[in-house]
PDB file of all heavy atoms in Angstrom:
ATOM      1  N   LYS A   1       0.829  -1.194   0.018  1.00  0.00           N
ATOM      2  CA  LYS A   1       0.007  -0.013   0.004  1.00  0.00           C
ATOM      3  C   LYS A   1       0.870   1.259   0.007  1.00  0.00           C
ATOM      4  O   LYS A   1       0.577   2.229  -0.715  1.00  0.00           O
ATOM      5  CB  LYS A   1      -0.889  -0.021   1.223  1.00  0.00           C
ATOM      6  CG  LYS A   1      -1.914   1.096   1.318  1.00  0.00           C
ATOM      7  CD  LYS A   1      -2.784   0.911   2.583  1.00  0.00           C
ATOM      8  CE  LYS A   1      -3.825   2.027   2.697  1.00  0.00           C
ATOM      9  NZ  LYS A   1      -4.655   1.881   3.903  1.00  0.00           N
ATOM     10  N   ILE A   2       1.920   1.255   0.764  1.00  0.00           N
ATOM     11  CA  ILE A   2       2.863   2.393   0.844  1.00  0.00           C
ATOM     12  C   ILE A   2       3.453   2.635  -0.508  1.00  0.00           C
ATOM     13  O   ILE A   2       3.496   3.808  -0.997  1.00  0.00           O
ATOM     14  CB  ILE A   2       3.956   2.131   1.876  1.00  0.00           C
ATOM     15  CG1 ILE A   2       3.397   2.156   3.294  1.00  0.00           C
ATOM     16  CG2 ILE A   2       5.082   3.167   1.735  1.00  0.00           C
ATOM     17  CD1 ILE A   2       4.318   1.616   4.355  1.00  0.00           C
ATOM     18  N   ALA A   3       3.925   1.598  -1.159  1.00  0.00           N
ATOM     19  CA  ALA A   3       4.577   1.767  -2.457  1.00  0.00           C
ATOM     20  C   ALA A   3       3.602   2.367  -3.460  1.00  0.00           C
ATOM     21  O   ALA A   3       3.988   3.208  -4.295  1.00  0.00           O
ATOM     22  CB  ALA A   3       5.110   0.430  -2.959  1.00  0.00           C
ATOM     23  N   ALA A   4       2.349   1.952  -3.398  1.00  0.00           N
ATOM     24  CA  ALA A   4       1.343   2.447  -4.327  1.00  0.00           C
ATOM     25  C   ALA A   4       0.938   3.866  -4.024  1.00  0.00           C
ATOM     26  O   ALA A   4       0.741   4.705  -4.935  1.00  0.00           O
ATOM     27  CB  ALA A   4       0.121   1.519  -4.321  1.00  0.00           C
ATOM     28  N   GLU A   5       0.796   4.196  -2.730  1.00  0.00           N
ATOM     29  CA  GLU A   5       0.260   5.490  -2.332  1.00  0.00           C
ATOM     30  C   GLU A   5       1.346   6.601  -2.250  1.00  0.00           C
ATOM     31  O   GLU A   5       1.049   7.749  -2.568  1.00  0.00           O
ATOM     32  CB  GLU A   5      -0.444   5.395  -0.971  1.00  0.00           C
ATOM     33  CG  GLU A   5      -1.724   4.571  -0.990  1.00  0.00           C
ATOM     34  CD  GLU A   5      -2.389   4.477   0.371  1.00  0.00           C
ATOM     35  OE1 GLU A   5      -1.771   4.895   1.390  1.00  0.00           O
ATOM     36  OE2 GLU A   5      -3.506   3.976   0.449  1.00  0.00           O
ATOM     37  N   ARG A   6       2.525   6.228  -1.870  1.00  0.00           N
ATOM     38  CA  ARG A   6       3.572   7.250  -1.615  1.00  0.00           C
ATOM     39  C   ARG A   6       4.754   7.137  -2.585  1.00  0.00           C
ATOM     40  O   ARG A   6       5.592   8.034  -2.598  1.00  0.00           O
ATOM     41  CB  ARG A   6       4.067   7.140  -0.172  1.00  0.00           C
ATOM     42  CG  ARG A   6       2.983   7.376   0.865  1.00  0.00           C
ATOM     43  CD  ARG A   6       2.458   8.796   0.806  1.00  0.00           C
ATOM     44  NE  ARG A   6       1.466   9.068   1.830  1.00  0.00           N
ATOM     45  CZ  ARG A   6       0.381   9.805   1.656  1.00  0.00           C
ATOM     46  NH1 ARG A   6       0.160  10.366   0.460  1.00  0.00           N
ATOM     47  NH2 ARG A   6      -0.468  10.014   2.647  1.00  0.00           N
ATOM     48  N   ASN A   7       4.831   6.056  -3.329  1.00  0.00           N
ATOM     49  CA  ASN A   7       5.912   5.914  -4.329  1.00  0.00           C
ATOM     50  C   ASN A   7       7.277   6.128  -3.711  1.00  0.00           C
ATOM     51  O   ASN A   7       8.126   6.900  -4.247  1.00  0.00           O
ATOM     52  CB  ASN A   7       5.693   6.879  -5.504  1.00  0.00           C
ATOM     53  CG  ASN A   7       6.593   6.555  -6.663  1.00  0.00           C
ATOM     54  OD1 ASN A   7       6.966   5.414  -6.896  1.00  0.00           O
ATOM     55  ND2 ASN A   7       6.956   7.604  -7.439  1.00  0.00           N
ATOM     56  N   CYS A   8       7.526   5.474  -2.602  1.00  0.00           N
ATOM     57  CA  CYS A   8       8.810   5.622  -1.908  1.00  0.00           C
ATOM     58  C   CYS A   8       9.284   4.234  -1.473  1.00  0.00           C
ATOM     59  O   CYS A   8       8.595   3.238  -1.626  1.00  0.00           O
ATOM     60  CB  CYS A   8       8.701   6.564  -0.715  1.00  0.00           C
ATOM     61  SG  CYS A   8       7.654   5.913   0.606  1.00  0.00           S
ATOM     62  N   ARG A   9      10.508   4.190  -0.958  1.00  0.00           N
ATOM     63  CA  ARG A   9      11.082   2.947  -0.474  1.00  0.00           C
ATOM     64  C   ARG A   9      10.325   2.473   0.762  1.00  0.00           C
ATOM     65  O   ARG A   9       9.723   3.246   1.499  1.00  0.00           O
ATOM     66  CB  ARG A   9      12.537   3.179  -0.088  1.00  0.00           C
ATOM     67  CG  ARG A   9      13.306   1.938   0.349  1.00  0.00           C
ATOM     68  CD  ARG A   9      14.755   2.271   0.653  1.00  0.00           C
ATOM     69  NE  ARG A   9      15.462   2.818  -0.516  1.00  0.00           N
ATOM     70  CZ  ARG A   9      16.769   3.071  -0.529  1.00  0.00           C
ATOM     71  NH1 ARG A   9      17.495   2.856   0.561  1.00  0.00           N
ATOM     72  NH2 ARG A   9      17.325   3.579  -1.626  1.00  0.00           N
ATOM     73  N   THR A  10      10.275   1.154   0.987  1.00  0.00           N
ATOM     74  CA  THR A  10       9.701   0.606   2.211  1.00  0.00           C
ATOM     75  C   THR A  10      10.753  -0.137   2.985  1.00  0.00           C
ATOM     76  O   THR A  10      11.714  -0.700   2.399  1.00  0.00           O
ATOM     77  CB  THR A  10       8.527  -0.356   1.882  1.00  0.00           C
ATOM     78  OG1 THR A  10       9.023  -1.421   1.097  1.00  0.00           O
ATOM     79  CG2 THR A  10       7.414   0.395   1.163  1.00  0.00           C
ATOM     80  N   TYR A  11      10.614  -0.109   4.308  1.00  0.00           N
ATOM     81  CA  TYR A  11      11.527  -0.812   5.203  1.00  0.00           C
ATOM     82  C   TYR A  11      10.704  -1.746   6.087  1.00  0.00           C
ATOM     83  O   TYR A  11       9.533  -1.416   6.429  1.00  0.00           O
ATOM     84  CB  TYR A  11      12.254   0.168   6.132  1.00  0.00           C
ATOM     85  CG  TYR A  11      13.239   1.097   5.455  1.00  0.00           C
ATOM     86  CD1 TYR A  11      12.801   2.256   4.818  1.00  0.00           C
ATOM     87  CD2 TYR A  11      14.613   0.829   5.439  1.00  0.00           C
ATOM     88  CE1 TYR A  11      13.686   3.142   4.201  1.00  0.00           C
ATOM     89  CE2 TYR A  11      15.531   1.685   4.862  1.00  0.00           C
ATOM     90  CZ  TYR A  11      15.037   2.857   4.225  1.00  0.00           C
ATOM     91  OH  TYR A  11      15.935   3.692   3.636  1.00  0.00           O
ATOM     92  N   THR A  12      11.304  -2.875   6.454  1.00  0.00           N
ATOM     93  CA  THR A  12      10.592  -3.829   7.315  1.00  0.00           C
ATOM     94  C   THR A  12      10.825  -3.573   8.801  1.00  0.00           C
ATOM     95  O   THR A  12      10.082  -4.062   9.633  1.00  0.00           O
ATOM     96  CB  THR A  12      11.011  -5.254   6.962  1.00  0.00           C
ATOM     97  OG1 THR A  12      12.439  -5.369   7.172  1.00  0.00           O
ATOM     98  CG2 THR A  12      10.654  -5.588   5.499  1.00  0.00           C
ATOM     99  N   SER A  13      11.848  -2.790   9.142  1.00  0.00           N
ATOM    100  CA  SER A  13      12.173  -2.596  10.548  1.00  0.00           C
ATOM    101  C   SER A  13      12.843  -1.254  10.788  1.00  0.00           C
ATOM    102  O   SER A  13      13.499  -0.674   9.896  1.00  0.00           O
ATOM    103  CB  SER A  13      13.100  -3.731  11.057  1.00  0.00           C
ATOM    104  OG  SER A  13      14.414  -3.573  10.525  1.00  0.00           O
ATOM    105  N   PHE A  14      12.738  -0.803  12.037  1.00  0.00           N
ATOM    106  CA  PHE A  14      13.434   0.405  12.481  1.00  0.00           C
ATOM    107  C   PHE A  14      14.923   0.233  12.375  1.00  0.00           C
ATOM    108  O   PHE A  14      15.643   1.176  12.012  1.00  0.00           O
ATOM    109  CB  PHE A  14      12.999   0.674  13.933  1.00  0.00           C
ATOM    110  CG  PHE A  14      13.748   1.792  14.613  1.00  0.00           C
ATOM    111  CD1 PHE A  14      13.432   3.119  14.316  1.00  0.00           C
ATOM    112  CD2 PHE A  14      14.747   1.531  15.504  1.00  0.00           C
ATOM    113  CE1 PHE A  14      14.116   4.149  14.967  1.00  0.00           C
ATOM    114  CE2 PHE A  14      15.443   2.556  16.131  1.00  0.00           C
ATOM    115  CZ  PHE A  14      15.114   3.861  15.852  1.00  0.00           C
ATOM    116  N   GLU A  15      15.427  -0.955  12.703  1.00  0.00           N
ATOM    117  CA  GLU A  15      16.858  -1.246  12.684  1.00  0.00           C
ATOM    118  C   GLU A  15      17.435  -1.042  11.264  1.00  0.00           C
ATOM    119  O   GLU A  15      18.540  -0.524  11.101  1.00  0.00           O
ATOM    120  CB  GLU A  15      17.127  -2.672  13.140  1.00  0.00           C
ATOM    121  CG  GLU A  15      16.913  -2.928  14.629  1.00  0.00           C
ATOM    122  CD  GLU A  15      15.459  -2.935  15.057  1.00  0.00           C
ATOM    123  OE1 GLU A  15      14.585  -3.171  14.186  1.00  0.00           O
ATOM    124  OE2 GLU A  15      15.198  -2.687  16.236  1.00  0.00           O
ATOM    125  N   ASP A  16      16.658  -1.422  10.239  1.00  0.00           N
ATOM    126  CA  ASP A  16      17.126  -1.224   8.861  1.00  0.00           C
ATOM    127  C   ASP A  16      17.256   0.289   8.535  1.00  0.00           C
ATOM    128  O   ASP A  16      18.172   0.693   7.820  1.00  0.00           O
ATOM    129  CB  ASP A  16      16.142  -1.848   7.883  1.00  0.00           C
ATOM    130  CG  ASP A  16      16.175  -3.373   7.905  1.00  0.00           C
ATOM    131  OD1 ASP A  16      17.146  -3.924   8.439  1.00  0.00           O
ATOM    132  OD2 ASP A  16      15.217  -3.991   7.407  1.00  0.00           O
ATOM    133  N   VAL A  17      16.383   1.086   9.124  1.00  0.00           N
ATOM    134  CA  VAL A  17      16.406   2.528   8.867  1.00  0.00           C
ATOM    135  C   VAL A  17      17.670   3.177   9.459  1.00  0.00           C
ATOM    136  O   VAL A  17      18.388   3.904   8.779  1.00  0.00           O
ATOM    137  CB  VAL A  17      15.138   3.218   9.398  1.00  0.00           C
ATOM    138  CG1 VAL A  17      15.227   4.732   9.242  1.00  0.00           C
ATOM    139  CG2 VAL A  17      13.902   2.705   8.687  1.00  0.00           C
ATOM    140  N   ILE A  18      17.898   2.894  10.729  1.00  0.00           N
ATOM    141  CA  ILE A  18      19.048   3.575  11.391  1.00  0.00           C
ATOM    142  C   ILE A  18      20.379   3.059  10.888  1.00  0.00           C
ATOM    143  O   ILE A  18      21.423   3.687  11.070  1.00  0.00           O
ATOM    144  CB  ILE A  18      18.942   3.534  12.903  1.00  0.00           C
ATOM    145  CG1 ILE A  18      18.958   2.110  13.437  1.00  0.00           C
ATOM    146  CG2 ILE A  18      17.689   4.245  13.394  1.00  0.00           C
ATOM    147  CD1 ILE A  18      19.034   2.013  14.971  1.00  0.00           C
ATOM    148  N   ALA A  19      20.361   1.900  10.232  1.00  0.00           N
ATOM    149  CA  ALA A  19      21.608   1.331   9.628  1.00  0.00           C
ATOM    150  C   ALA A  19      21.818   1.865   8.242  1.00  0.00           C
ATOM    151  O   ALA A  19      22.909   1.667   7.665  1.00  0.00           O
ATOM    152  CB  ALA A  19      21.560  -0.184   9.608  1.00  0.00           C
ATOM    153  N   ASP A  20      20.853   2.557   7.660  1.00  0.00           N
ATOM    154  CA  ASP A  20      20.948   3.064   6.314  1.00  0.00           C
ATOM    155  C   ASP A  20      21.647   4.435   6.275  1.00  0.00           C
ATOM    156  O   ASP A  20      21.107   5.425   6.783  1.00  0.00           O
ATOM    157  CB  ASP A  20      19.550   3.181   5.689  1.00  0.00           C
ATOM    158  CG  ASP A  20      19.581   3.525   4.202  1.00  0.00           C
ATOM    159  OD1 ASP A  20      20.601   3.989   3.719  1.00  0.00           O
ATOM    160  OD2 ASP A  20      18.512   3.350   3.561  1.00  0.00           O
ATOM    161  N   GLY A  21      22.829   4.493   5.713  1.00  0.00           N
ATOM    162  CA  GLY A  21      23.586   5.722   5.686  1.00  0.00           C
ATOM    163  C   GLY A  21      22.972   6.816   4.844  1.00  0.00           C
ATOM    164  O   GLY A  21      23.405   7.987   4.980  1.00  0.00           O
ATOM    165  N   GLU A  22      22.034   6.508   3.985  1.00  0.00           N
ATOM    166  CA  GLU A  22      21.346   7.519   3.189  1.00  0.00           C
ATOM    167  C   GLU A  22      20.330   8.333   3.988  1.00  0.00           C
ATOM    168  O   GLU A  22      19.963   9.431   3.563  1.00  0.00           O
ATOM    169  CB  GLU A  22      20.650   6.873   1.977  1.00  0.00           C
ATOM    170  CG  GLU A  22      21.544   6.325   0.919  1.00  0.00           C
ATOM    171  CD  GLU A  22      20.732   5.922  -0.281  1.00  0.00           C
ATOM    172  OE1 GLU A  22      20.379   6.841  -1.084  1.00  0.00           O
ATOM    173  OE2 GLU A  22      20.458   4.739  -0.456  1.00  0.00           O
ATOM    174  N   VAL A  23      19.841   7.772   5.068  1.00  0.00           N
ATOM    175  CA  VAL A  23      18.742   8.383   5.806  1.00  0.00           C
ATOM    176  C   VAL A  23      19.271   9.536   6.704  1.00  0.00           C
ATOM    177  O   VAL A  23      20.200   9.303   7.497  1.00  0.00           O
ATOM    178  CB  VAL A  23      18.019   7.358   6.661  1.00  0.00           C
ATOM    179  CG1 VAL A  23      16.927   8.032   7.517  1.00  0.00           C
ATOM    180  CG2 VAL A  23      17.407   6.272   5.782  1.00  0.00           C
ATOM    181  N   ASP A  24      18.694  10.698   6.568  1.00  0.00           N
ATOM    182  CA  ASP A  24      19.063  11.849   7.413  1.00  0.00           C
ATOM    183  C   ASP A  24      18.135  12.084   8.570  1.00  0.00           C
ATOM    184  O   ASP A  24      18.549  12.435   9.650  1.00  0.00           O
ATOM    185  CB  ASP A  24      19.048  13.119   6.528  1.00  0.00           C
ATOM    186  CG  ASP A  24      20.001  13.029   5.352  1.00  0.00           C
ATOM    187  OD1 ASP A  24      21.235  12.932   5.600  1.00  0.00           O
ATOM    188  OD2 ASP A  24      19.512  13.068   4.200  1.00  0.00           O
ATOM    189  N   LEU A  25      16.814  11.891   8.353  1.00  0.00           N
ATOM    190  CA  LEU A  25      15.791  12.242   9.337  1.00  0.00           C
ATOM    191  C   LEU A  25      14.881  11.037   9.580  1.00  0.00           C
ATOM    192  O   LEU A  25      14.349  10.448   8.623  1.00  0.00           O
ATOM    193  CB  LEU A  25      14.972  13.436   8.799  1.00  0.00           C
ATOM    194  CG  LEU A  25      13.712  13.799   9.618  1.00  0.00           C
ATOM    195  CD1 LEU A  25      14.104  14.380  10.976  1.00  0.00           C
ATOM    196  CD2 LEU A  25      12.874  14.852   8.860  1.00  0.00           C
ATOM    197  N   VAL A  26      14.680  10.716  10.852  1.00  0.00           N
ATOM    198  CA  VAL A  26      13.750   9.650  11.241  1.00  0.00           C
ATOM    199  C   VAL A  26      12.553  10.288  11.905  1.00  0.00           C
ATOM    200  O   VAL A  26      12.700  11.058  12.834  1.00  0.00           O
ATOM    201  CB  VAL A  26      14.424   8.627  12.194  1.00  0.00           C
ATOM    202  CG1 VAL A  26      13.396   7.613  12.694  1.00  0.00           C
ATOM    203  CG2 VAL A  26      15.581   7.940  11.505  1.00  0.00           C
ATOM    204  N   VAL A  27      11.369   9.972  11.405  1.00  0.00           N
ATOM    205  CA  VAL A  27      10.093  10.514  11.946  1.00  0.00           C
ATOM    206  C   VAL A  27       9.353   9.394  12.611  1.00  0.00           C
ATOM    207  O   VAL A  27       9.028   8.366  11.995  1.00  0.00           O
ATOM    208  CB  VAL A  27       9.243  11.130  10.835  1.00  0.00           C
ATOM    209  CG1 VAL A  27       7.926  11.608  11.366  1.00  0.00           C
ATOM    210  CG2 VAL A  27       9.990  12.234  10.110  1.00  0.00           C
ATOM    211  N   LEU A  28       9.062   9.550  13.921  1.00  0.00           N
ATOM    212  CA  LEU A  28       8.455   8.498  14.706  1.00  0.00           C
ATOM    213  C   LEU A  28       6.925   8.710  14.798  1.00  0.00           C
ATOM    214  O   LEU A  28       6.453   9.546  15.503  1.00  0.00           O
ATOM    215  CB  LEU A  28       9.046   8.455  16.117  1.00  0.00           C
ATOM    216  CG  LEU A  28      10.551   8.201  16.176  1.00  0.00           C
ATOM    217  CD1 LEU A  28      11.019   8.263  17.620  1.00  0.00           C
ATOM    218  CD2 LEU A  28      10.879   6.834  15.580  1.00  0.00           C
ATOM    219  N   ALA A  29       6.191   7.906  14.009  1.00  0.00           N
ATOM    220  CA  ALA A  29       4.753   7.888  14.050  1.00  0.00           C
ATOM    221  C   ALA A  29       4.318   6.583  14.685  1.00  0.00           C
ATOM    222  O   ALA A  29       3.572   5.789  14.114  1.00  0.00           O
ATOM    223  CB  ALA A  29       4.175   8.029  12.628  1.00  0.00           C
ATOM    224  N   THR A  30       4.827   6.327  15.862  1.00  0.00           N
ATOM    225  CA  THR A  30       4.688   5.068  16.607  1.00  0.00           C
ATOM    226  C   THR A  30       3.959   5.309  17.929  1.00  0.00           C
ATOM    227  O   THR A  30       3.810   6.459  18.334  1.00  0.00           O
ATOM    228  CB  THR A  30       6.096   4.493  16.857  1.00  0.00           C
ATOM    229  OG1 THR A  30       6.877   5.473  17.582  1.00  0.00           O
ATOM    230  CG2 THR A  30       6.795   4.126  15.561  1.00  0.00           C
ATOM    231  N   PRO A  31       3.541   4.260  18.631  1.00  0.00           N
ATOM    232  CA  PRO A  31       2.895   4.471  19.931  1.00  0.00           C
ATOM    233  C   PRO A  31       3.774   5.310  20.865  1.00  0.00           C
ATOM    234  O   PRO A  31       5.000   5.210  20.875  1.00  0.00           O
ATOM    235  CB  PRO A  31       2.733   3.023  20.463  1.00  0.00           C
ATOM    236  CG  PRO A  31       2.556   2.206  19.213  1.00  0.00           C
ATOM    237  CD  PRO A  31       3.499   2.837  18.198  1.00  0.00           C
ATOM    238  N   ASN A  32       3.093   6.141  21.656  1.00  0.00           N
ATOM    239  CA  ASN A  32       3.802   7.109  22.482  1.00  0.00           C
ATOM    240  C   ASN A  32       4.846   6.476  23.404  1.00  0.00           C
ATOM    241  O   ASN A  32       5.893   7.084  23.679  1.00  0.00           O
ATOM    242  CB  ASN A  32       2.776   7.881  23.350  1.00  0.00           C
ATOM    243  CG  ASN A  32       1.820   8.689  22.488  1.00  0.00           C
ATOM    244  OD1 ASN A  32       2.138   9.092  21.384  1.00  0.00           O
ATOM    245  ND2 ASN A  32       0.624   8.937  23.029  1.00  0.00           N
ATOM    246  N   VAL A  33       4.554   5.293  23.872  1.00  0.00           N
ATOM    247  CA  VAL A  33       5.495   4.640  24.830  1.00  0.00           C
ATOM    248  C   VAL A  33       6.825   4.322  24.190  1.00  0.00           C
ATOM    249  O   VAL A  33       7.850   4.149  24.911  1.00  0.00           O
ATOM    250  CB  VAL A  33       4.868   3.363  25.441  1.00  0.00           C
ATOM    251  CG1 VAL A  33       4.773   2.237  24.381  1.00  0.00           C
ATOM    252  CG2 VAL A  33       5.565   2.925  26.679  1.00  0.00           C
ATOM    253  N   THR A  34       6.911   4.272  22.873  1.00  0.00           N
ATOM    254  CA  THR A  34       8.165   3.931  22.162  1.00  0.00           C
ATOM    255  C   THR A  34       9.032   5.135  21.834  1.00  0.00           C
ATOM    256  O   THR A  34      10.184   4.958  21.433  1.00  0.00           O
ATOM    257  CB  THR A  34       7.851   3.203  20.851  1.00  0.00           C
ATOM    258  OG1 THR A  34       7.236   4.118  19.896  1.00  0.00           O
ATOM    259  CG2 THR A  34       6.922   2.021  21.049  1.00  0.00           C
ATOM    260  N   HIS A  35       8.513   6.357  21.959  1.00  0.00           N
ATOM    261  CA  HIS A  35       9.205   7.536  21.415  1.00  0.00           C
ATOM    262  C   HIS A  35      10.567   7.714  22.016  1.00  0.00           C
ATOM    263  O   HIS A  35      11.555   8.016  21.303  1.00  0.00           O
ATOM    264  CB  HIS A  35       8.374   8.787  21.635  1.00  0.00           C
ATOM    265  CG  HIS A  35       7.163   8.849  20.778  1.00  0.00           C
ATOM    266  ND1 HIS A  35       6.209   9.851  20.903  1.00  0.00           N
ATOM    267  CD2 HIS A  35       6.698   8.017  19.812  1.00  0.00           C
ATOM    268  CE1 HIS A  35       5.243   9.649  20.037  1.00  0.00           C
ATOM    269  NE2 HIS A  35       5.506   8.539  19.342  1.00  0.00           N
ATOM    270  N   CYS A  36      10.717   7.600  23.327  1.00  0.00           N
ATOM    271  CA  CYS A  36      11.999   7.882  23.963  1.00  0.00           C
ATOM    272  C   CYS A  36      13.054   6.916  23.479  1.00  0.00           C
ATOM    273  O   CYS A  36      14.130   7.334  23.022  1.00  0.00           O
ATOM    274  CB  CYS A  36      11.834   7.824  25.490  1.00  0.00           C
ATOM    275  SG  CYS A  36      13.387   8.056  26.387  1.00  0.00           S
ATOM    276  N   ASP A  37      12.828   5.626  23.572  1.00  0.00           N
ATOM    277  CA  ASP A  37      13.826   4.628  23.205  1.00  0.00           C
ATOM    278  C   ASP A  37      14.204   4.742  21.730  1.00  0.00           C
ATOM    279  O   ASP A  37      15.389   4.754  21.393  1.00  0.00           O
ATOM    280  CB  ASP A  37      13.257   3.225  23.504  1.00  0.00           C
ATOM    281  CG  ASP A  37      14.263   2.138  23.035  1.00  0.00           C
ATOM    282  OD1 ASP A  37      15.386   2.102  23.561  1.00  0.00           O
ATOM    283  OD2 ASP A  37      13.877   1.342  22.170  1.00  0.00           O
ATOM    284  N   LEU A  38      13.195   4.798  20.858  1.00  0.00           N
ATOM    285  CA  LEU A  38      13.490   4.851  19.426  1.00  0.00           C
ATOM    286  C   LEU A  38      14.219   6.152  19.068  1.00  0.00           C
ATOM    287  O   LEU A  38      15.137   6.128  18.231  1.00  0.00           O
ATOM    288  CB  LEU A  38      12.196   4.729  18.624  1.00  0.00           C
ATOM    289  CG  LEU A  38      11.428   3.374  18.713  1.00  0.00           C
ATOM    290  CD1 LEU A  38      10.218   3.391  17.803  1.00  0.00           C
ATOM    291  CD2 LEU A  38      12.351   2.212  18.366  1.00  0.00           C
ATOM    292  N   ALA A  39      13.799   7.242  19.637  1.00  0.00           N
ATOM    293  CA  ALA A  39      14.460   8.543  19.348  1.00  0.00           C
ATOM    294  C   ALA A  39      15.946   8.508  19.725  1.00  0.00           C
ATOM    295  O   ALA A  39      16.822   8.942  18.948  1.00  0.00           O
ATOM    296  CB  ALA A  39      13.749   9.685  20.030  1.00  0.00           C
ATOM    297  N   ILE A  40      16.230   7.995  20.903  1.00  0.00           N
ATOM    298  CA  ILE A  40      17.621   7.951  21.377  1.00  0.00           C
ATOM    299  C   ILE A  40      18.439   7.013  20.508  1.00  0.00           C
ATOM    300  O   ILE A  40      19.569   7.340  20.114  1.00  0.00           O
ATOM    301  CB  ILE A  40      17.676   7.527  22.857  1.00  0.00           C
ATOM    302  CG1 ILE A  40      17.116   8.659  23.721  1.00  0.00           C
ATOM    303  CG2 ILE A  40      19.109   7.215  23.276  1.00  0.00           C
ATOM    304  CD1 ILE A  40      16.956   8.317  25.197  1.00  0.00           C
ATOM    305  N   ARG A  41      17.898   5.887  20.157  1.00  0.00           N
ATOM    306  CA  ARG A  41      18.622   4.956  19.260  1.00  0.00           C
ATOM    307  C   ARG A  41      18.904   5.579  17.910  1.00  0.00           C
ATOM    308  O   ARG A  41      19.993   5.437  17.352  1.00  0.00           O
ATOM    309  CB  ARG A  41      17.806   3.653  19.104  1.00  0.00           C
ATOM    310  CG  ARG A  41      17.810   2.791  20.354  1.00  0.00           C
ATOM    311  CD  ARG A  41      16.815   1.678  20.242  1.00  0.00           C
ATOM    312  NE  ARG A  41      17.137   0.749  19.174  1.00  0.00           N
ATOM    313  CZ  ARG A  41      16.305  -0.196  18.733  1.00  0.00           C
ATOM    314  NH1 ARG A  41      15.099  -0.319  19.298  1.00  0.00           N
ATOM    315  NH2 ARG A  41      16.673  -0.999  17.756  1.00  0.00           N
ATOM    316  N   ALA A  42      17.938   6.284  17.366  1.00  0.00           N
ATOM    317  CA  ALA A  42      18.124   6.968  16.082  1.00  0.00           C
ATOM    318  C   ALA A  42      19.184   8.081  16.189  1.00  0.00           C
ATOM    319  O   ALA A  42      20.065   8.193  15.303  1.00  0.00           O
ATOM    320  CB  ALA A  42      16.819   7.527  15.566  1.00  0.00           C
ATOM    321  N   MET A  43      19.095   8.869  17.266  1.00  0.00           N
ATOM    322  CA  MET A  43      20.069   9.944  17.403  1.00  0.00           C
ATOM    323  C   MET A  43      21.472   9.425  17.644  1.00  0.00           C
ATOM    324  O   MET A  43      22.455   9.988  17.160  1.00  0.00           O
ATOM    325  CB  MET A  43      19.604  10.897  18.542  1.00  0.00           C
ATOM    326  CG  MET A  43      18.413  11.727  18.149  1.00  0.00           C
ATOM    327  SD  MET A  43      17.934  12.968  19.387  1.00  0.00           S
ATOM    328  CE  MET A  43      17.188  11.961  20.660  1.00  0.00           C
ATOM    329  N   ASP A  44      21.601   8.325  18.414  1.00  0.00           N
ATOM    330  CA  ASP A  44      22.893   7.706  18.625  1.00  0.00           C
ATOM    331  C   ASP A  44      23.481   7.134  17.318  1.00  0.00           C
ATOM    332  O   ASP A  44      24.683   6.909  17.266  1.00  0.00           O
ATOM    333  CB  ASP A  44      22.801   6.629  19.697  1.00  0.00           C
ATOM    334  CG  ASP A  44      22.723   7.193  21.117  1.00  0.00           C
ATOM    335  OD1 ASP A  44      23.015   8.386  21.268  1.00  0.00           O
ATOM    336  OD2 ASP A  44      22.369   6.447  22.032  1.00  0.00           O
ATOM    337  N   ALA A  45      22.598   6.893  16.344  1.00  0.00           N
ATOM    338  CA  ALA A  45      23.073   6.430  15.041  1.00  0.00           C
ATOM    339  C   ALA A  45      23.349   7.605  14.104  1.00  0.00           C
ATOM    340  O   ALA A  45      23.611   7.411  12.915  1.00  0.00           O
ATOM    341  CB  ALA A  45      22.037   5.510  14.417  1.00  0.00           C
TER     342      ALA A  45
END
């Protein structure tokens, strides 16, 4: 659905995103309880 609606790359996991050297900005549209941990992991990457 993402590929059809947004015409962009898809990822299966957060880990794949923070390991991708092309990615500059990570946007967290995830449950509120996850924001702190995911944000810190992304920033540390």
